Structure formats: structure tokens, C-alpha cells
Amino acid sequence: MKITTANFGELDVSGEEIITFPEGILGFPELHRYCLVDPGDDTLILWLQSLDDARIAFAVLEPKIFKSDYIVKLSGQELKQLKLDNINQSIVFTILTIPRGDATQMTSNLKAPIVINLKEQIGKQVVLQENEYTLKHMMFRELKAALATIEATKAAQATAAEARLATSLPINLRSMVPSSQVKSL
């Protein structure tokens, strides 16, 4: 399917790249189909692009990149809704808020992460009951430190094959590495 987006122009999205959110995302219950888009930069930030409303896209990031001790505990009901028989078939993202003109004030919603079943291509935004997580986790310094570490590693292992395309592309879910941050209650 082809979709013309507000942020990425025209995208050609295959069935293997579509993620279905049966309940939508908080605040957007009527939008059910999304894809992950890599904008082609080196920020590690991806975009969860709605296929039902081309104007809607959420900046997302795997929290393991900037908060290695972050754990998502899913209830039996949430596992069932995600059709998640094996928690090792999932990946976790948090939605970012990036103020225009001041990325140093970006925040991550650790309280309500996005969990995606990579095999079934089903997603759900879950609201965690743990009080230690906030809706607006200031994470710029953590992300900056993580990027510096990644860049140093890349420089040490640099090859021409590792160069990324500077093009926005949908991501095939089957090529993603599952998260180790999901646990069952």
C-alpha cells in the first residue's frame, strides 16, 4: 500500500510492515494501523506512522538504548491481547516528546510504553502500574551518552556495508531484534 505522509513523503508499505493496534493508541483510539519508519538519520529515533491518518506519527525509541534497567511487566490479559505466547517475540518502544528548537528538553513516556508482538504484528500501548516510571522522563543526557558509546563502537568497527541510507523507509518487523525488557507478572 502507498501512503503519502506529512513527514516522510510517499511510503510504500508492505503487509509485513503493518502493525495493528486493536485498541489504538491512547488519545487516538480510532487509528489502528501503523508502521515503523526509519528516517535514515543516526539518531536511533524511529517513527510510528499511522496508516489511517497520514498526518499522525509518533517519535519512538527503544528504552534499552538510554535506560538499561527499564522493565515492562505485562499482565496475563495484556499478553493475551498481544497474542504473545513467548515474551521473547516482542519489542518495546516509548513515545518521545521533542520540543521544537530544543531537543535537550526531550522526554520519554516510560509510564505507557508501546509493546509490539513481532510475529503477529500486533501492538498495544500499556499503562504500567509501577510508580517509579513517569510520563515525562528527561532523557537527553542518557541518549547523548548512549549515542556517544554507539558512535565509538561504530568507529572501531566501521565498514562500508554499515553505512545507512539517508532515506525514510518502513521497517520489516521480522528483521527486528526482540526486546529483553518484557516480563510477565
C-alpha atoms as a PDB file:
ATOM      1  CA  MET A   1       0.000   0.000   0.000  1.00  0.00           C
ATOM      2  CA  LYS A   2       1.177   3.517  -0.741  1.00  0.00           C
ATOM      3  CA  ILE A   3       0.654   6.358   1.706  1.00  0.00           C
ATOM      4  CA  THR A   4       1.700   9.986   1.408  1.00  0.00           C
ATOM      5  CA  THR A   5       2.756  11.159   4.857  1.00  0.00           C
ATOM      6  CA  ALA A   6       3.186  14.643   6.251  1.00  0.00           C
ATOM      7  CA  ASN A   7       6.735  13.939   7.479  1.00  0.00           C
ATOM      8  CA  PHE A   8       8.209  11.326   5.144  1.00  0.00           C
ATOM      9  CA  GLY A   9       6.563  11.863   1.775  1.00  0.00           C
ATOM     10  CA  GLU A  10       5.329   8.782  -0.039  1.00  0.00           C
ATOM     11  CA  LEU A  11       5.932   5.415   1.617  1.00  0.00           C
ATOM     12  CA  ASP A  12       5.340   2.017   0.063  1.00  0.00           C
ATOM     13  CA  VAL A  13       4.287  -0.206   2.982  1.00  0.00           C
ATOM     14  CA  SER A  14       4.016  -3.985   2.638  1.00  0.00           C
ATOM     15  CA  GLY A  15       1.848  -6.261   4.775  1.00  0.00           C
ATOM     16  CA  GLU A  16       4.932  -7.395   6.713  1.00  0.00           C
ATOM     17  CA  GLU A  17       5.480  -3.813   7.870  1.00  0.00           C
ATOM     18  CA  ILE A  18       1.951  -3.112   9.146  1.00  0.00           C
ATOM     19  CA  ILE A  19       1.367  -3.212  12.897  1.00  0.00           C
ATOM     20  CA  THR A  20      -2.235  -3.458  14.078  1.00  0.00           C
ATOM     21  CA  PHE A  21      -3.225  -1.758  17.328  1.00  0.00           C
ATOM     22  CA  PRO A  22      -6.712  -3.206  18.017  1.00  0.00           C
ATOM     23  CA  GLU A  23      -7.368  -0.588  20.727  1.00  0.00           C
ATOM     24  CA  GLY A  24      -5.475   2.208  19.004  1.00  0.00           C
ATOM     25  CA  ILE A  25      -3.016   4.344  20.960  1.00  0.00           C
ATOM     26  CA  LEU A  26      -4.026   6.481  23.940  1.00  0.00           C
ATOM     27  CA  GLY A  27      -5.727   9.576  22.568  1.00  0.00           C
ATOM     28  CA  PHE A  28      -6.081   8.002  19.108  1.00  0.00           C
ATOM     29  CA  PRO A  29      -8.436   5.020  19.593  1.00  0.00           C
ATOM     30  CA  GLU A  30      -9.758   5.217  16.024  1.00  0.00           C
ATOM     31  CA  LEU A  31      -6.311   4.741  14.419  1.00  0.00           C
ATOM     32  CA  HIS A  32      -5.433   1.043  14.247  1.00  0.00           C
ATOM     33  CA  ARG A  33      -2.811   0.547  11.526  1.00  0.00           C
ATOM     34  CA  TYR A  34       0.763   1.791  11.829  1.00  0.00           C
ATOM     35  CA  CYS A  35       4.240   1.108  10.503  1.00  0.00           C
ATOM     36  CA  LEU A  36       7.668   1.904  11.907  1.00  0.00           C
ATOM     37  CA  VAL A  37       9.689   4.314   9.791  1.00  0.00           C
ATOM     38  CA  ASP A  38      13.442   4.778   9.927  1.00  0.00           C
ATOM     39  CA  PRO A  39      14.055   8.383   8.828  1.00  0.00           C
ATOM     40  CA  GLY A  40      17.583   7.500   7.704  1.00  0.00           C
ATOM     41  CA  ASP A  41      19.458   9.602  10.240  1.00  0.00           C
ATOM     42  CA  ASP A  42      21.733   8.378  13.016  1.00  0.00           C
ATOM     43  CA  THR A  43      19.608   9.387  15.997  1.00  0.00           C
ATOM     44  CA  LEU A  44      18.175   5.880  16.636  1.00  0.00           C
ATOM     45  CA  ILE A  45      14.749   7.511  16.831  1.00  0.00           C
ATOM     46  CA  LEU A  46      12.123   5.772  14.721  1.00  0.00           C
ATOM     47  CA  TRP A  47       8.639   6.980  13.861  1.00  0.00           C
ATOM     48  CA  LEU A  48       5.399   5.096  14.435  1.00  0.00           C
ATOM     49  CA  GLN A  49       3.468   6.319  11.397  1.00  0.00           C
ATOM     50  CA  SER A  50      -0.305   5.952  11.268  1.00  0.00           C
ATOM     51  CA  LEU A  51      -1.581   4.404   8.058  1.00  0.00           C
ATOM     52  CA  ASP A  52      -5.132   5.521   8.889  1.00  0.00           C
ATOM     53  CA  ASP A  53      -4.234   9.227   9.195  1.00  0.00           C
ATOM     54  CA  ALA A  54      -1.101  10.264   7.294  1.00  0.00           C
ATOM     55  CA  ARG A  55      -0.717  13.373   9.495  1.00  0.00           C
ATOM     56  CA  ILE A  56      -0.115  11.309  12.658  1.00  0.00           C
ATOM     57  CA  ALA A  57       3.338   9.952  13.540  1.00  0.00           C
ATOM     58  CA  PHE A  58       4.942   9.402  16.934  1.00  0.00           C
ATOM     59  CA  ALA A  59       8.679   9.620  17.608  1.00  0.00           C
ATOM     60  CA  VAL A  60       9.633   6.373  19.365  1.00  0.00           C
ATOM     61  CA  LEU A  61      12.793   4.877  20.788  1.00  0.00           C
ATOM     62  CA  GLU A  62      13.715   1.565  22.358  1.00  0.00           C
ATOM     63  CA  PRO A  63      14.181   2.424  26.041  1.00  0.00           C
ATOM     64  CA  LYS A  64      17.001  -0.109  26.394  1.00  0.00           C
ATOM     65  CA  ILE A  65      19.133   2.393  24.469  1.00  0.00           C
ATOM     66  CA  PHE A  66      19.009   5.023  27.222  1.00  0.00           C
ATOM     67  CA  LYS A  67      17.650   3.155  30.272  1.00  0.00           C
ATOM     68  CA  SER A  68      19.073  -0.352  30.503  1.00  0.00           C
ATOM     69  CA  ASP A  69      17.217  -1.213  33.724  1.00  0.00           C
ATOM     70  CA  TYR A  70      13.754  -0.458  32.289  1.00  0.00           C
ATOM     71  CA  ILE A  71      11.374  -3.413  32.564  1.00  0.00           C
ATOM     72  CA  VAL A  72       7.833  -3.761  31.209  1.00  0.00           C
ATOM     73  CA  LYS A  73       5.719  -6.187  33.238  1.00  0.00           C
ATOM     74  CA  LEU A  74       2.699  -7.430  31.286  1.00  0.00           C
ATOM     75  CA  SER A  75      -0.389  -8.955  32.870  1.00  0.00           C
ATOM     76  CA  GLY A  76      -1.917 -12.179  31.586  1.00  0.00           C
ATOM     77  CA  GLN A  77      -4.669 -10.107  29.957  1.00  0.00           C
ATOM     78  CA  GLU A  78      -2.125  -7.911  28.146  1.00  0.00           C
ATOM     79  CA  LEU A  79      -0.185 -10.968  26.963  1.00  0.00           C
ATOM     80  CA  LYS A  80      -3.448 -12.405  25.632  1.00  0.00           C
ATOM     81  CA  GLN A  81      -4.389  -9.143  23.875  1.00  0.00           C
ATOM     82  CA  LEU A  82      -0.977  -9.110  22.206  1.00  0.00           C
ATOM     83  CA  LYS A  83      -1.276 -12.847  21.338  1.00  0.00           C
ATOM     84  CA  LEU A  84       2.128 -13.123  22.952  1.00  0.00           C
ATOM     85  CA  ASP A  85       2.914 -16.758  23.757  1.00  0.00           C
ATOM     86  CA  ASN A  86       6.621 -16.024  24.006  1.00  0.00           C
ATOM     87  CA  ILE A  87       7.706 -12.698  25.510  1.00  0.00           C
ATOM     88  CA  ASN A  88      10.936 -13.007  23.524  1.00  0.00           C
ATOM     89  CA  GLN A  89       8.915 -12.237  20.375  1.00  0.00           C
ATOM     90  CA  SER A  90       8.249  -8.660  21.439  1.00  0.00           C
ATOM     91  CA  ILE A  91       9.884  -5.282  21.224  1.00  0.00           C
ATOM     92  CA  VAL A  92       9.308  -2.214  23.385  1.00  0.00           C
ATOM     93  CA  PHE A  93       9.266   1.448  22.403  1.00  0.00           C
ATOM     94  CA  THR A  94       8.497   4.587  24.343  1.00  0.00           C
ATOM     95  CA  ILE A  95       6.857   7.623  22.794  1.00  0.00           C
ATOM     96  CA  LEU A  96       9.056  10.716  22.805  1.00  0.00           C
ATOM     97  CA  THR A  97       8.117  14.354  23.087  1.00  0.00           C
ATOM     98  CA  ILE A  98      10.693  16.534  21.350  1.00  0.00           C
ATOM     99  CA  PRO A  99      10.091  20.288  21.780  1.00  0.00           C
ATOM    100  CA  ARG A 100      10.697  22.302  18.621  1.00  0.00           C
ATOM    101  CA  GLY A 101      14.054  24.001  18.733  1.00  0.00           C
ATOM    102  CA  ASP A 102      15.271  22.396  21.966  1.00  0.00           C
ATOM    103  CA  ALA A 103      15.997  18.679  21.755  1.00  0.00           C
ATOM    104  CA  THR A 104      17.742  18.883  25.133  1.00  0.00           C
ATOM    105  CA  GLN A 105      14.272  19.003  26.710  1.00  0.00           C
ATOM    106  CA  MET A 106      13.036  15.813  25.041  1.00  0.00           C
ATOM    107  CA  THR A 107      11.146  13.395  27.253  1.00  0.00           C
ATOM    108  CA  SER A 108      10.191   9.743  27.075  1.00  0.00           C
ATOM    109  CA  ASN A 109       6.884   8.321  28.275  1.00  0.00           C
ATOM    110  CA  LEU A 110       8.126   5.422  30.412  1.00  0.00           C
ATOM    111  CA  LYS A 111       4.726   5.047  32.085  1.00  0.00           C
ATOM    112  CA  ALA A 112       2.891   3.948  28.918  1.00  0.00           C
ATOM    113  CA  PRO A 113       5.227   2.097  26.529  1.00  0.00           C
ATOM    114  CA  ILE A 114       4.341   0.558  23.191  1.00  0.00           C
ATOM    115  CA  VAL A 115       4.767  -3.237  23.084  1.00  0.00           C
ATOM    116  CA  ILE A 116       4.768  -4.976  19.702  1.00  0.00           C
ATOM    117  CA  ASN A 117       4.443  -8.702  19.042  1.00  0.00           C
ATOM    118  CA  LEU A 118       6.909  -9.067  16.160  1.00  0.00           C
ATOM    119  CA  LYS A 119       5.498 -12.396  14.976  1.00  0.00           C
ATOM    120  CA  GLU A 120       1.808 -11.446  14.940  1.00  0.00           C
ATOM    121  CA  GLN A 121       2.388  -7.746  14.120  1.00  0.00           C
ATOM    122  CA  ILE A 122       0.092  -6.637  16.945  1.00  0.00           C
ATOM    123  CA  GLY A 123       0.809  -3.612  19.099  1.00  0.00           C
ATOM    124  CA  LYS A 124      -0.541  -2.252  22.347  1.00  0.00           C
ATOM    125  CA  GLN A 125       0.190   0.771  24.464  1.00  0.00           C
ATOM    126  CA  VAL A 126       0.240  -0.451  28.049  1.00  0.00           C
ATOM    127  CA  VAL A 127      -0.021   1.684  31.172  1.00  0.00           C
ATOM    128  CA  LEU A 128       2.422   0.377  33.760  1.00  0.00           C
ATOM    129  CA  GLN A 129       1.387   0.258  37.400  1.00  0.00           C
ATOM    130  CA  GLU A 130       4.904   0.847  38.735  1.00  0.00           C
ATOM    131  CA  ASN A 131       5.202   4.277  40.330  1.00  0.00           C
ATOM    132  CA  GLU A 132       8.896   4.590  39.509  1.00  0.00           C
ATOM    133  CA  TYR A 133       8.150   5.445  35.870  1.00  0.00           C
ATOM    134  CA  THR A 134       6.926   8.826  34.669  1.00  0.00           C
ATOM    135  CA  LEU A 135       5.123  10.215  31.646  1.00  0.00           C
ATOM    136  CA  LYS A 136       7.930  12.724  31.024  1.00  0.00           C
ATOM    137  CA  HIS A 137      11.293  11.145  31.749  1.00  0.00           C
ATOM    138  CA  MET A 138      14.018  13.667  30.870  1.00  0.00           C
ATOM    139  CA  MET A 139      16.359  11.534  28.812  1.00  0.00           C
ATOM    140  CA  PHE A 140      18.527  13.736  26.607  1.00  0.00           C
ATOM    141  CA  ARG A 141      21.740  13.204  28.617  1.00  0.00           C
ATOM    142  CA  GLU A 142      21.179   9.444  28.734  1.00  0.00           C
ATOM    143  CA  LEU A 143      20.523   9.326  24.995  1.00  0.00           C
ATOM    144  CA  LYS A 144      23.543  11.522  24.240  1.00  0.00           C
ATOM    145  CA  ALA A 145      25.793   9.219  26.295  1.00  0.00           C
ATOM    146  CA  ALA A 146      24.338   6.143  24.573  1.00  0.00           C
ATOM    147  CA  LEU A 147      24.880   7.689  21.139  1.00  0.00           C
ATOM    148  CA  ALA A 148      28.498   8.520  22.004  1.00  0.00           C
ATOM    149  CA  THR A 149      29.088   4.904  23.030  1.00  0.00           C
ATOM    150  CA  ILE A 150      27.431   3.609  19.869  1.00  0.00           C
ATOM    151  CA  GLU A 151      29.424   6.018  17.685  1.00  0.00           C
ATOM    152  CA  ALA A 152      32.679   4.934  19.318  1.00  0.00           C
ATOM    153  CA  THR A 153      31.781   1.297  18.689  1.00  0.00           C
ATOM    154  CA  LYS A 154      30.826   2.049  15.085  1.00  0.00           C
ATOM    155  CA  ALA A 155      34.093   3.901  14.502  1.00  0.00           C
ATOM    156  CA  ALA A 156      36.043   0.918  15.777  1.00  0.00           C
ATOM    157  CA  GLN A 157      34.101  -1.486  13.541  1.00  0.00           C
ATOM    158  CA  ALA A 158      33.401   0.809  10.602  1.00  0.00           C
ATOM    159  CA  THR A 159      32.834  -0.810   7.237  1.00  0.00           C
ATOM    160  CA  ALA A 160      31.262   0.479   4.075  1.00  0.00           C
ATOM    161  CA  ALA A 161      28.428  -2.040   4.457  1.00  0.00           C
ATOM    162  CA  GLU A 162      27.309  -0.413   7.726  1.00  0.00           C
ATOM    163  CA  ALA A 163      26.544   2.949   6.140  1.00  0.00           C
ATOM    164  CA  ARG A 164      22.867   3.809   6.497  1.00  0.00           C
ATOM    165  CA  LEU A 165      20.716   5.163   3.710  1.00  0.00           C
ATOM    166  CA  ALA A 166      19.607   8.752   4.144  1.00  0.00           C
ATOM    167  CA  THR A 167      16.085   7.801   3.068  1.00  0.00           C
ATOM    168  CA  SER A 168      12.902   7.259   5.053  1.00  0.00           C
ATOM    169  CA  LEU A 169      11.944   3.596   4.847  1.00  0.00           C
ATOM    170  CA  PRO A 170       9.313   1.433   6.513  1.00  0.00           C
ATOM    171  CA  ILE A 171      10.817  -1.314   8.667  1.00  0.00           C
ATOM    172  CA  ASN A 172      10.078  -5.007   8.188  1.00  0.00           C
ATOM    173  CA  LEU A 173       9.121  -6.249  11.665  1.00  0.00           C
ATOM    174  CA  ARG A 174      10.600  -9.678  11.033  1.00  0.00           C
ATOM    175  CA  SER A 175      14.065  -8.103  10.797  1.00  0.00           C
ATOM    176  CA  MET A 176      13.859  -6.519  14.265  1.00  0.00           C
ATOM    177  CA  VAL A 177      15.636  -7.927  17.299  1.00  0.00           C
ATOM    178  CA  PRO A 178      13.217  -8.789  20.125  1.00  0.00           C
ATOM    179  CA  SER A 179      13.444  -6.914  23.414  1.00  0.00           C
ATOM    180  CA  SER A 180      14.589  -8.432  26.672  1.00  0.00           C
ATOM    181  CA  GLN A 181      12.692  -5.772  28.612  1.00  0.00           C
ATOM    182  CA  VAL A 182       9.312  -7.535  28.653  1.00  0.00           C
ATOM    183  CA  LYS A 183       8.397  -9.722  31.602  1.00  0.00           C
ATOM    184  CA  SER A 184       5.135 -11.403  32.606  1.00  0.00           C
ATOM    185  CA  LEU A 185       3.648 -10.739  36.027  1.00  0.00           C
END
